[in-house]
Amino acid sequence: MSELLLGMRLNGVQYRRLHAAPPFGVHFGTVEGRAQFHFVACGTVYLRMAGGAVHALGPGDAVLLPRGGEHCLVSAPDLPSQDVGAYEAVPLCKSVSAVSACAEETCPSQHAHVFSGCMEFDLGGMHPLVAQMPEVMLVGTLLERQPEIEPMLRAMEREVLTERVGSAGILARLADVVSASIVRGWVECGCGETAGWLDALRDPRLSRAIGAMHRDPGRDWTVAELAQEMGASRSVFAERFLAVTGQTPLRYVTELRMRLAAEWIGRDHMSIDTAAQRLGYASQAAFSRAFKRVTGRPPGALRAEGPLARA
């Protein structure tokens, strides 16, 4: 699992410093492929999910929604909400804006201060893990195991409340680190009660084969070679792999390659030819055919899209 976590990237796309006075309700819609992070520096806020679940958040609480999803931040559980984009936003720096939902006559002592981040959450080869994460991941449940998070939360609280020079950029970086720590803590705690793909990682013999694929995705793997990594016969390995992951070994490694290729070409601006070589394809044409077969579009479509279009 540590080997696979090396590929984790969690980068903020858009941050908001929210200043709100009750009664308030701020709605956040679903952004495909994005996680959502909230940190409460001051006040009481309720996180209300689209399915009806409600979580109370107080000063110093942080929460990560790994798959984003429709949700609201409200001052009382049953209040209506308004889309966050409907509020006036004042840019603080390139990716951070200040949003105010306060009436002039309200008492400042009742105000809530929240720092929110919409994040690009990429686990690389661990993509199946995202689907098995909880809908809501609260930092409070991890503090006993990860006490190092607490000073970061206190630092975030000071930055939100004091609004010092450069606080927007510092908050964004702290949010990224806290979010990554939440994910790591969940993994270290055994990933809850999840099963399926994670059963393969919990199996010490099968996980050796998966780790080998992730360490060297460009190798021309055969089922026999992967079975040797596991220390089993070809038939036993293939049967076990399919039963646990729901995929054949070669299908798994092909999808792993295409996820890595999409990351390298789309985000890191690697040339298609270089990506093809790194992933073991004899020609760019062969790679392009495989990429389109798995993803439904040619790799050139990623280069045609700019970063803003993908976001």
C-alpha atoms as a PDB file:
ATOM      1  CA  MET A   1       0.000   0.000   0.000  1.00  0.00           C
ATOM      2  CA  SER A   2       2.880   2.377   0.740  1.00  0.00           C
ATOM      3  CA  GLU A   3       4.279   1.686  -2.719  1.00  0.00           C
ATOM      4  CA  LEU A   4       0.958   2.572  -4.314  1.00  0.00           C
ATOM      5  CA  LEU A   5       0.452   5.719  -2.201  1.00  0.00           C
ATOM      6  CA  LEU A   6       3.567   7.187  -3.802  1.00  0.00           C
ATOM      7  CA  GLY A   7       1.370   7.972  -6.807  1.00  0.00           C
ATOM      8  CA  MET A   8      -1.162   9.986  -4.810  1.00  0.00           C
ATOM      9  CA  ARG A   9      -1.658  13.587  -5.920  1.00  0.00           C
ATOM     10  CA  LEU A  10      -4.096  15.932  -4.254  1.00  0.00           C
ATOM     11  CA  ASN A  11      -3.938  19.459  -5.602  1.00  0.00           C
ATOM     12  CA  GLY A  12      -6.336  22.326  -5.063  1.00  0.00           C
ATOM     13  CA  VAL A  13      -8.155  23.671  -8.107  1.00  0.00           C
ATOM     14  CA  GLN A  14     -10.296  26.293  -6.377  1.00  0.00           C
ATOM     15  CA  TYR A  15     -10.428  27.509  -2.779  1.00  0.00           C
ATOM     16  CA  ARG A  16     -12.919  29.713  -0.966  1.00  0.00           C
ATOM     17  CA  ARG A  17     -12.654  31.515   2.350  1.00  0.00           C
ATOM     18  CA  LEU A  18     -16.269  31.624   3.483  1.00  0.00           C
ATOM     19  CA  HIS A  19     -17.525  34.137   6.043  1.00  0.00           C
ATOM     20  CA  ALA A  20     -21.185  33.549   6.929  1.00  0.00           C
ATOM     21  CA  ALA A  21     -23.706  34.660   9.537  1.00  0.00           C
ATOM     22  CA  PRO A  22     -26.726  32.553  10.551  1.00  0.00           C
ATOM     23  CA  PRO A  23     -29.144  31.762   9.168  1.00  0.00           C
ATOM     24  CA  PHE A  24     -27.157  30.615   6.118  1.00  0.00           C
ATOM     25  CA  GLY A  25     -27.096  27.722   3.687  1.00  0.00           C
ATOM     26  CA  VAL A  26     -24.404  27.278   1.036  1.00  0.00           C
ATOM     27  CA  HIS A  27     -24.819  24.573  -1.592  1.00  0.00           C
ATOM     28  CA  PHE A  28     -21.919  22.802  -3.338  1.00  0.00           C
ATOM     29  CA  GLY A  29     -22.677  20.823  -6.487  1.00  0.00           C
ATOM     30  CA  THR A  30     -20.923  17.773  -7.864  1.00  0.00           C
ATOM     31  CA  VAL A  31     -17.752  18.369  -9.868  1.00  0.00           C
ATOM     32  CA  GLU A  32     -16.753  15.201 -11.707  1.00  0.00           C
ATOM     33  CA  GLY A  33     -13.407  13.825 -10.575  1.00  0.00           C
ATOM     34  CA  ARG A  34     -12.969  16.381  -7.794  1.00  0.00           C
ATOM     35  CA  ALA A  35     -12.790  16.009  -4.026  1.00  0.00           C
ATOM     36  CA  GLN A  36     -14.099  18.643  -1.620  1.00  0.00           C
ATOM     37  CA  PHE A  37     -12.440  19.793   1.607  1.00  0.00           C
ATOM     38  CA  HIS A  38     -13.902  21.979   4.381  1.00  0.00           C
ATOM     39  CA  PHE A  39     -12.235  23.377   7.506  1.00  0.00           C
ATOM     40  CA  VAL A  40     -14.213  25.242  10.174  1.00  0.00           C
ATOM     41  CA  ALA A  41     -12.137  27.880  11.952  1.00  0.00           C
ATOM     42  CA  CYS A  42     -14.959  29.463  13.928  1.00  0.00           C
ATOM     43  CA  GLY A  43     -18.672  28.878  14.543  1.00  0.00           C
ATOM     44  CA  THR A  44     -20.943  25.863  14.232  1.00  0.00           C
ATOM     45  CA  VAL A  45     -21.649  24.467  10.774  1.00  0.00           C
ATOM     46  CA  TYR A  46     -23.665  21.458   9.649  1.00  0.00           C
ATOM     47  CA  LEU A  47     -22.590  19.406   6.642  1.00  0.00           C
ATOM     48  CA  ARG A  48     -25.742  18.092   4.984  1.00  0.00           C
ATOM     49  CA  MET A  49     -25.330  15.469   2.285  1.00  0.00           C
ATOM     50  CA  ALA A  50     -27.710  14.972  -0.632  1.00  0.00           C
ATOM     51  CA  GLY A  51     -28.808  11.642   0.852  1.00  0.00           C
ATOM     52  CA  GLY A  52     -29.903  13.326   4.084  1.00  0.00           C
ATOM     53  CA  ALA A  53     -26.959  12.516   6.370  1.00  0.00           C
ATOM     54  CA  VAL A  54     -25.986  15.452   8.618  1.00  0.00           C
ATOM     55  CA  HIS A  55     -22.619  15.991  10.345  1.00  0.00           C
ATOM     56  CA  ALA A  56     -22.053  18.718  12.938  1.00  0.00           C
ATOM     57  CA  LEU A  57     -18.740  20.561  12.532  1.00  0.00           C
ATOM     58  CA  GLY A  58     -17.248  22.882  15.120  1.00  0.00           C
ATOM     59  CA  PRO A  59     -14.108  25.043  15.392  1.00  0.00           C
ATOM     60  CA  GLY A  60     -11.036  23.060  14.348  1.00  0.00           C
ATOM     61  CA  ASP A  61     -12.969  20.363  12.479  1.00  0.00           C
ATOM     62  CA  ALA A  62     -11.944  19.335   8.972  1.00  0.00           C
ATOM     63  CA  VAL A  63     -13.699  17.031   6.532  1.00  0.00           C
ATOM     64  CA  LEU A  64     -12.784  15.502   3.178  1.00  0.00           C
ATOM     65  CA  LEU A  65     -15.342  14.315   0.635  1.00  0.00           C
ATOM     66  CA  PRO A  66     -13.119  12.174  -1.630  1.00  0.00           C
ATOM     67  CA  ARG A  67     -15.717  11.938  -4.410  1.00  0.00           C
ATOM     68  CA  GLY A  68     -17.113  15.424  -3.884  1.00  0.00           C
ATOM     69  CA  GLY A  69     -20.823  14.967  -4.310  1.00  0.00           C
ATOM     70  CA  GLU A  70     -23.714  17.340  -3.790  1.00  0.00           C
ATOM     71  CA  HIS A  71     -23.824  18.760  -0.268  1.00  0.00           C
ATOM     72  CA  CYS A  72     -24.535  21.897   1.779  1.00  0.00           C
ATOM     73  CA  LEU A  73     -22.967  23.824   4.627  1.00  0.00           C
ATOM     74  CA  VAL A  74     -25.785  25.235   6.771  1.00  0.00           C
ATOM     75  CA  SER A  75     -26.153  26.948  10.127  1.00  0.00           C
ATOM     76  CA  ALA A  76     -29.055  24.643  11.063  1.00  0.00           C
ATOM     77  CA  PRO A  77     -29.787  21.146   9.687  1.00  0.00           C
ATOM     78  CA  ASP A  78     -33.161  21.965   8.078  1.00  0.00           C
ATOM     79  CA  LEU A  79     -32.341  25.301   6.399  1.00  0.00           C
ATOM     80  CA  PRO A  80     -32.599  25.833   2.614  1.00  0.00           C
ATOM     81  CA  SER A  81     -29.399  26.589   0.717  1.00  0.00           C
ATOM     82  CA  GLN A  82     -28.167  28.721  -2.159  1.00  0.00           C
ATOM     83  CA  ASP A  83     -25.465  27.713  -4.648  1.00  0.00           C
ATOM     84  CA  VAL A  84     -22.014  28.942  -3.629  1.00  0.00           C
ATOM     85  CA  GLY A  85     -21.573  30.471  -7.081  1.00  0.00           C
ATOM     86  CA  ALA A  86     -24.484  32.846  -6.416  1.00  0.00           C
ATOM     87  CA  TYR A  87     -22.555  34.657  -3.674  1.00  0.00           C
ATOM     88  CA  GLU A  88     -20.227  37.514  -4.520  1.00  0.00           C
ATOM     89  CA  ALA A  89     -16.617  36.333  -4.551  1.00  0.00           C
ATOM     90  CA  VAL A  90     -13.582  38.575  -4.152  1.00  0.00           C
ATOM     91  CA  PRO A  91     -10.315  37.132  -5.561  1.00  0.00           C
ATOM     92  CA  LEU A  92      -7.520  36.949  -2.995  1.00  0.00           C
ATOM     93  CA  CYS A  93      -4.953  35.296  -5.269  1.00  0.00           C
ATOM     94  CA  LYS A  94      -4.894  33.053  -8.334  1.00  0.00           C
ATOM     95  CA  SER A  95      -7.004  30.189  -6.962  1.00  0.00           C
ATOM     96  CA  VAL A  96      -8.469  31.577  -3.720  1.00  0.00           C
ATOM     97  CA  SER A  97     -11.485  33.860  -3.320  1.00  0.00           C
ATOM     98  CA  ALA A  98     -13.337  35.319  -0.354  1.00  0.00           C
ATOM     99  CA  VAL A  99     -17.087  34.722  -0.127  1.00  0.00           C
ATOM    100  CA  SER A 100     -19.269  36.619   2.341  1.00  0.00           C
ATOM    101  CA  ALA A 101     -22.803  35.710   3.376  1.00  0.00           C
ATOM    102  CA  CYS A 102     -23.244  38.142   6.252  1.00  0.00           C
ATOM    103  CA  ALA A 103     -25.890  40.800   6.830  1.00  0.00           C
ATOM    104  CA  GLU A 104     -24.578  44.046   8.316  1.00  0.00           C
ATOM    105  CA  GLU A 105     -26.834  43.851  11.384  1.00  0.00           C
ATOM    106  CA  THR A 106     -25.639  40.406  12.526  1.00  0.00           C
ATOM    107  CA  CYS A 107     -23.417  39.984  15.574  1.00  0.00           C
ATOM    108  CA  PRO A 108     -19.827  39.065  14.618  1.00  0.00           C
ATOM    109  CA  SER A 109     -19.597  36.624  17.525  1.00  0.00           C
ATOM    110  CA  GLN A 110     -22.140  34.387  15.731  1.00  0.00           C
ATOM    111  CA  HIS A 111     -20.291  34.327  12.406  1.00  0.00           C
ATOM    112  CA  ALA A 112     -18.837  31.148  10.942  1.00  0.00           C
ATOM    113  CA  HIS A 113     -15.479  31.116   9.164  1.00  0.00           C
ATOM    114  CA  VAL A 114     -14.867  28.197   6.805  1.00  0.00           C
ATOM    115  CA  PHE A 115     -12.055  27.443   4.370  1.00  0.00           C
ATOM    116  CA  SER A 116     -13.128  25.206   1.494  1.00  0.00           C
ATOM    117  CA  GLY A 117     -11.213  23.586  -1.335  1.00  0.00           C
ATOM    118  CA  CYS A 118     -12.247  21.865  -4.540  1.00  0.00           C
ATOM    119  CA  MET A 119      -9.384  19.488  -5.310  1.00  0.00           C
ATOM    120  CA  GLU A 120      -8.010  17.322  -8.051  1.00  0.00           C
ATOM    121  CA  PHE A 121      -7.785  13.955  -6.336  1.00  0.00           C
ATOM    122  CA  ASP A 122      -5.642  11.519  -8.284  1.00  0.00           C
ATOM    123  CA  LEU A 123      -4.464   8.244  -6.811  1.00  0.00           C
ATOM    124  CA  GLY A 124      -2.847   7.115 -10.044  1.00  0.00           C
ATOM    125  CA  GLY A 125      -2.831   3.330 -10.004  1.00  0.00           C
ATOM    126  CA  MET A 126      -4.943   3.315  -6.829  1.00  0.00           C
ATOM    127  CA  HIS A 127      -7.946   4.658  -8.731  1.00  0.00           C
ATOM    128  CA  PRO A 128     -10.244   1.793  -7.564  1.00  0.00           C
ATOM    129  CA  LEU A 129      -9.618   2.853  -3.968  1.00  0.00           C
ATOM    130  CA  VAL A 130     -11.471   6.167  -4.397  1.00  0.00           C
ATOM    131  CA  ALA A 131     -14.757   4.390  -5.135  1.00  0.00           C
ATOM    132  CA  GLN A 132     -14.431   2.427  -1.873  1.00  0.00           C
ATOM    133  CA  MET A 133     -13.701   5.398   0.378  1.00  0.00           C
ATOM    134  CA  PRO A 134     -16.399   6.682   2.747  1.00  0.00           C
ATOM    135  CA  GLU A 135     -18.624   9.460   1.440  1.00  0.00           C
ATOM    136  CA  VAL A 136     -17.399  11.693   4.275  1.00  0.00           C
ATOM    137  CA  MET A 137     -13.997  11.457   6.002  1.00  0.00           C
ATOM    138  CA  LEU A 138     -13.789  13.415   9.270  1.00  0.00           C
ATOM    139  CA  VAL A 139     -10.385  14.386  10.620  1.00  0.00           C
ATOM    140  CA  GLY A 140     -11.620  14.020  14.195  1.00  0.00           C
ATOM    141  CA  THR A 141     -11.700  10.258  13.823  1.00  0.00           C
ATOM    142  CA  LEU A 142      -7.976  10.221  12.940  1.00  0.00           C
ATOM    143  CA  LEU A 143      -6.487  12.650  15.472  1.00  0.00           C
ATOM    144  CA  GLU A 144      -5.669   9.962  18.031  1.00  0.00           C
ATOM    145  CA  ARG A 145      -3.634   8.037  15.460  1.00  0.00           C
ATOM    146  CA  GLN A 146      -2.247  11.110  13.682  1.00  0.00           C
ATOM    147  CA  PRO A 147      -1.641  13.808  16.344  1.00  0.00           C
ATOM    148  CA  GLU A 148       0.616  15.631  13.862  1.00  0.00           C
ATOM    149  CA  ILE A 149      -2.521  16.899  12.091  1.00  0.00           C
ATOM    150  CA  GLU A 150      -3.601  18.981  15.100  1.00  0.00           C
ATOM    151  CA  PRO A 151      -0.871  21.679  14.801  1.00  0.00           C
ATOM    152  CA  MET A 152      -1.752  22.052  11.110  1.00  0.00           C
ATOM    153  CA  LEU A 153      -5.401  22.582  12.013  1.00  0.00           C
ATOM    154  CA  ARG A 154      -4.436  25.205  14.591  1.00  0.00           C
ATOM    155  CA  ALA A 155      -2.286  26.925  11.965  1.00  0.00           C
ATOM    156  CA  MET A 156      -5.232  26.913   9.558  1.00  0.00           C
ATOM    157  CA  GLU A 157      -7.452  28.417  12.238  1.00  0.00           C
ATOM    158  CA  ARG A 158      -5.013  31.285  12.821  1.00  0.00           C
ATOM    159  CA  GLU A 159      -4.647  31.947   9.094  1.00  0.00           C
ATOM    160  CA  VAL A 160      -8.414  32.042   8.518  1.00  0.00           C
ATOM    161  CA  LEU A 161      -9.141  34.332  11.447  1.00  0.00           C
ATOM    162  CA  THR A 162      -6.209  36.750  11.229  1.00  0.00           C
ATOM    163  CA  GLU A 163      -6.174  37.168   7.415  1.00  0.00           C
ATOM    164  CA  ARG A 164      -2.451  37.961   7.384  1.00  0.00           C
ATOM    165  CA  VAL A 165      -0.487  38.760   4.263  1.00  0.00           C
ATOM    166  CA  GLY A 166      -0.129  35.628   2.149  1.00  0.00           C
ATOM    167  CA  SER A 167      -2.659  33.675   4.227  1.00  0.00           C
ATOM    168  CA  ALA A 168      -4.601  32.525   1.149  1.00  0.00           C
ATOM    169  CA  GLY A 169      -1.620  30.675  -0.316  1.00  0.00           C
ATOM    170  CA  ILE A 170      -0.583  29.190   3.026  1.00  0.00           C
ATOM    171  CA  LEU A 171      -4.135  27.979   3.684  1.00  0.00           C
ATOM    172  CA  ALA A 172      -4.266  26.289   0.281  1.00  0.00           C
ATOM    173  CA  ARG A 173      -1.068  24.362   0.973  1.00  0.00           C
ATOM    174  CA  LEU A 174      -2.157  23.373   4.465  1.00  0.00           C
ATOM    175  CA  ALA A 175      -5.491  22.138   3.097  1.00  0.00           C
ATOM    176  CA  ASP A 176      -3.681  19.906   0.598  1.00  0.00           C
ATOM    177  CA  VAL A 177      -1.449  18.419   3.320  1.00  0.00           C
ATOM    178  CA  VAL A 178      -4.320  17.843   5.776  1.00  0.00           C
ATOM    179  CA  SER A 179      -6.405  16.180   3.052  1.00  0.00           C
ATOM    180  CA  ALA A 180      -3.540  13.869   2.082  1.00  0.00           C
ATOM    181  CA  SER A 181      -3.060  13.036   5.778  1.00  0.00           C
ATOM    182  CA  ILE A 182      -6.750  12.109   6.063  1.00  0.00           C
ATOM    183  CA  VAL A 183      -6.386   9.683   3.146  1.00  0.00           C
ATOM    184  CA  ARG A 184      -3.178   8.203   4.538  1.00  0.00           C
ATOM    185  CA  GLY A 185      -4.729   7.779   7.970  1.00  0.00           C
ATOM    186  CA  TRP A 186      -7.699   5.935   6.518  1.00  0.00           C
ATOM    187  CA  VAL A 187      -5.364   3.604   4.637  1.00  0.00           C
ATOM    188  CA  GLU A 188      -3.224   2.999   7.743  1.00  0.00           C
ATOM    189  CA  CYS A 189      -6.354   2.162   9.736  1.00  0.00           C
ATOM    190  CA  GLY A 190      -7.108  -0.652   7.312  1.00  0.00           C
ATOM    191  CA  CYS A 191      -9.471   1.199   4.954  1.00  0.00           C
ATOM    192  CA  GLY A 192     -12.487   0.535   7.150  1.00  0.00           C
ATOM    193  CA  GLU A 193     -14.619  -2.447   6.229  1.00  0.00           C
ATOM    194  CA  THR A 194     -14.096  -2.187   2.478  1.00  0.00           C
ATOM    195  CA  ALA A 195     -13.515  -5.319   0.448  1.00  0.00           C
ATOM    196  CA  GLY A 196     -13.140  -6.297  -3.193  1.00  0.00           C
ATOM    197  CA  TRP A 197     -10.068  -4.642  -4.693  1.00  0.00           C
ATOM    198  CA  LEU A 198      -8.604  -4.041  -1.235  1.00  0.00           C
ATOM    199  CA  ASP A 199      -8.770  -7.747  -0.487  1.00  0.00           C
ATOM    200  CA  ALA A 200      -6.106  -8.146  -3.165  1.00  0.00           C
ATOM    201  CA  LEU A 201      -3.831  -5.740  -1.286  1.00  0.00           C
ATOM    202  CA  ARG A 202      -4.507  -7.476   2.001  1.00  0.00           C
ATOM    203  CA  ASP A 203      -3.457 -10.793   0.469  1.00  0.00           C
ATOM    204  CA  PRO A 204       0.350 -10.733   0.937  1.00  0.00           C
ATOM    205  CA  ARG A 205       0.971 -13.054  -2.041  1.00  0.00           C
ATOM    206  CA  LEU A 206      -1.445 -11.410  -4.465  1.00  0.00           C
ATOM    207  CA  SER A 207      -0.338  -7.919  -3.465  1.00  0.00           C
ATOM    208  CA  ARG A 208       3.229  -8.760  -4.541  1.00  0.00           C
ATOM    209  CA  ALA A 209       1.993  -9.253  -8.098  1.00  0.00           C
ATOM    210  CA  ILE A 210      -0.037  -6.011  -8.003  1.00  0.00           C
ATOM    211  CA  GLY A 211       2.917  -4.110  -6.565  1.00  0.00           C
ATOM    212  CA  ALA A 212       5.135  -5.436  -9.362  1.00  0.00           C
ATOM    213  CA  MET A 213       2.690  -4.154 -11.990  1.00  0.00           C
ATOM    214  CA  HIS A 214       2.620  -0.706 -10.423  1.00  0.00           C
ATOM    215  CA  ARG A 215       6.395  -0.506 -10.077  1.00  0.00           C
ATOM    216  CA  ASP A 216       6.992  -1.506 -13.701  1.00  0.00           C
ATOM    217  CA  PRO A 217       3.824  -0.841 -15.763  1.00  0.00           C
ATOM    218  CA  GLY A 218       5.794  -0.720 -19.017  1.00  0.00           C
ATOM    219  CA  ARG A 219       6.999  -4.295 -18.778  1.00  0.00           C
ATOM    220  CA  ASP A 220       5.455  -6.774 -21.205  1.00  0.00           C
ATOM    221  CA  TRP A 221       3.861  -8.786 -18.427  1.00  0.00           C
ATOM    222  CA  THR A 222       2.549 -12.299 -18.962  1.00  0.00           C
ATOM    223  CA  VAL A 223       0.188 -14.132 -16.648  1.00  0.00           C
ATOM    224  CA  ALA A 224       2.936 -16.678 -15.996  1.00  0.00           C
ATOM    225  CA  GLU A 225       5.377 -13.952 -14.866  1.00  0.00           C
ATOM    226  CA  LEU A 226       2.782 -12.394 -12.561  1.00  0.00           C
ATOM    227  CA  ALA A 227       1.948 -15.813 -11.147  1.00  0.00           C
ATOM    228  CA  GLN A 228       5.645 -16.235 -10.378  1.00  0.00           C
ATOM    229  CA  GLU A 229       5.572 -12.950  -8.416  1.00  0.00           C
ATOM    230  CA  MET A 230       2.725 -14.426  -6.379  1.00  0.00           C
ATOM    231  CA  GLY A 231       4.447 -17.772  -6.042  1.00  0.00           C
ATOM    232  CA  ALA A 232       1.560 -19.740  -7.490  1.00  0.00           C
ATOM    233  CA  SER A 233       0.662 -21.597 -10.653  1.00  0.00           C
ATOM    234  CA  ARG A 234      -0.643 -19.658 -13.632  1.00  0.00           C
ATOM    235  CA  SER A 235      -4.180 -21.018 -13.252  1.00  0.00           C
ATOM    236  CA  VAL A 236      -4.370 -20.476  -9.479  1.00  0.00           C
ATOM    237  CA  PHE A 237      -3.098 -16.893  -9.822  1.00  0.00           C
ATOM    238  CA  ALA A 238      -5.474 -16.008 -12.688  1.00  0.00           C
ATOM    239  CA  GLU A 239      -8.472 -17.471 -10.853  1.00  0.00           C
ATOM    240  CA  ARG A 240      -7.625 -15.734  -7.575  1.00  0.00           C
ATOM    241  CA  PHE A 241      -6.951 -12.373  -9.254  1.00  0.00           C
ATOM    242  CA  LEU A 242     -10.245 -12.446 -11.146  1.00  0.00           C
ATOM    243  CA  ALA A 243     -12.230 -13.494  -8.073  1.00  0.00           C
ATOM    244  CA  VAL A 244     -10.833 -10.673  -5.928  1.00  0.00           C
ATOM    245  CA  THR A 245     -10.580  -7.761  -8.388  1.00  0.00           C
ATOM    246  CA  GLY A 246     -13.245  -8.657 -10.935  1.00  0.00           C
ATOM    247  CA  GLN A 247     -10.691  -8.280 -13.748  1.00  0.00           C
ATOM    248  CA  THR A 248      -8.168 -10.448 -15.507  1.00  0.00           C
ATOM    249  CA  PRO A 249      -4.527  -9.599 -14.676  1.00  0.00           C
ATOM    250  CA  LEU A 250      -3.757  -8.342 -18.193  1.00  0.00           C
ATOM    251  CA  ARG A 251      -6.902  -6.188 -18.273  1.00  0.00           C
ATOM    252  CA  TYR A 252      -5.848  -4.673 -14.959  1.00  0.00           C
ATOM    253  CA  VAL A 253      -2.355  -3.784 -16.172  1.00  0.00           C
ATOM    254  CA  THR A 254      -3.746  -2.319 -19.412  1.00  0.00           C
ATOM    255  CA  GLU A 255      -6.150  -0.053 -17.526  1.00  0.00           C
ATOM    256  CA  LEU A 256      -3.324   0.929 -15.166  1.00  0.00           C
ATOM    257  CA  ARG A 257      -1.213   1.983 -18.158  1.00  0.00           C
ATOM    258  CA  MET A 258      -4.019   4.054 -19.641  1.00  0.00           C
ATOM    259  CA  ARG A 259      -4.689   5.852 -16.351  1.00  0.00           C
ATOM    260  CA  LEU A 260      -1.000   6.692 -16.062  1.00  0.00           C
ATOM    261  CA  ALA A 261      -0.901   7.798 -19.699  1.00  0.00           C
ATOM    262  CA  ALA A 262      -3.879  10.107 -19.213  1.00  0.00           C
ATOM    263  CA  GLU A 263      -2.132  11.639 -16.203  1.00  0.00           C
ATOM    264  CA  TRP A 264       1.194  12.111 -17.987  1.00  0.00           C
ATOM    265  CA  ILE A 265      -0.255  13.483 -21.236  1.00  0.00           C
ATOM    266  CA  GLY A 266      -3.116  15.530 -19.857  1.00  0.00           C
ATOM    267  CA  ARG A 267      -1.625  17.007 -16.712  1.00  0.00           C
ATOM    268  CA  ASP A 268       2.138  16.729 -17.119  1.00  0.00           C
ATOM    269  CA  HIS A 269       2.120  17.593 -20.860  1.00  0.00           C
ATOM    270  CA  MET A 270       4.249  14.584 -21.784  1.00  0.00           C
ATOM    271  CA  SER A 271       4.399  13.813 -25.497  1.00  0.00           C
ATOM    272  CA  ILE A 272       2.295  10.881 -26.693  1.00  0.00           C
ATOM    273  CA  ASP A 273       5.362   9.170 -28.117  1.00  0.00           C
ATOM    274  CA  THR A 274       7.249   9.389 -24.799  1.00  0.00           C
ATOM    275  CA  ALA A 275       4.261   8.032 -22.865  1.00  0.00           C
ATOM    276  CA  ALA A 276       3.967   5.155 -25.335  1.00  0.00           C
ATOM    277  CA  GLN A 277       7.657   4.272 -24.902  1.00  0.00           C
ATOM    278  CA  ARG A 278       7.516   4.457 -21.103  1.00  0.00           C
ATOM    279  CA  LEU A 279       4.544   2.099 -21.088  1.00  0.00           C
ATOM    280  CA  GLY A 280       6.229  -0.466 -23.295  1.00  0.00           C
ATOM    281  CA  TYR A 281       4.434   0.067 -26.608  1.00  0.00           C
ATOM    282  CA  ALA A 282       6.433  -0.583 -29.772  1.00  0.00           C
ATOM    283  CA  SER A 283       4.839   2.326 -31.617  1.00  0.00           C
ATOM    284  CA  GLN A 284       2.733   5.389 -30.981  1.00  0.00           C
ATOM    285  CA  ALA A 285       0.032   3.914 -33.224  1.00  0.00           C
ATOM    286  CA  ALA A 286      -0.232   0.742 -31.123  1.00  0.00           C
ATOM    287  CA  PHE A 287      -0.444   2.816 -27.957  1.00  0.00           C
ATOM    288  CA  SER A 288      -3.095   5.123 -29.439  1.00  0.00           C
ATOM    289  CA  ARG A 289      -5.259   2.159 -30.431  1.00  0.00           C
ATOM    290  CA  ALA A 290      -5.028   0.704 -26.923  1.00  0.00           C
ATOM    291  CA  PHE A 291      -5.756   4.072 -25.318  1.00  0.00           C
ATOM    292  CA  LYS A 292      -8.865   4.625 -27.442  1.00  0.00           C
ATOM    293  CA  ARG A 293     -10.081   1.068 -26.826  1.00  0.00           C
ATOM    294  CA  VAL A 294      -9.890   1.546 -23.043  1.00  0.00           C
ATOM    295  CA  THR A 295     -10.892   5.207 -22.644  1.00  0.00           C
ATOM    296  CA  GLY A 296     -13.121   5.724 -25.671  1.00  0.00           C
ATOM    297  CA  ARG A 297     -11.098   8.581 -27.161  1.00  0.00           C
ATOM    298  CA  PRO A 298      -7.655   9.085 -28.687  1.00  0.00           C
ATOM    299  CA  PRO A 299      -4.763  10.374 -26.548  1.00  0.00           C
ATOM    300  CA  GLY A 300      -4.511  13.443 -28.789  1.00  0.00           C
ATOM    301  CA  ALA A 301      -7.832  14.619 -27.332  1.00  0.00           C
ATOM    302  CA  LEU A 302      -6.066  15.188 -23.993  1.00  0.00           C
ATOM    303  CA  ARG A 303      -3.489  17.428 -25.613  1.00  0.00           C
ATOM    304  CA  ALA A 304      -6.192  19.336 -27.497  1.00  0.00           C
ATOM    305  CA  GLU A 305      -7.856  20.200 -24.207  1.00  0.00           C
ATOM    306  CA  GLY A 306      -6.202  22.949 -22.207  1.00  0.00           C
ATOM    307  CA  PRO A 307      -5.964  22.725 -18.420  1.00  0.00           C
ATOM    308  CA  LEU A 308      -8.964  25.056 -18.042  1.00  0.00           C
ATOM    309  CA  ALA A 309     -11.109  22.923 -20.338  1.00  0.00           C
ATOM    310  CA  ARG A 310     -10.261  19.772 -18.362  1.00  0.00           C
ATOM    311  CA  ALA A 311     -11.023  21.541 -15.064  1.00  0.00           C
END
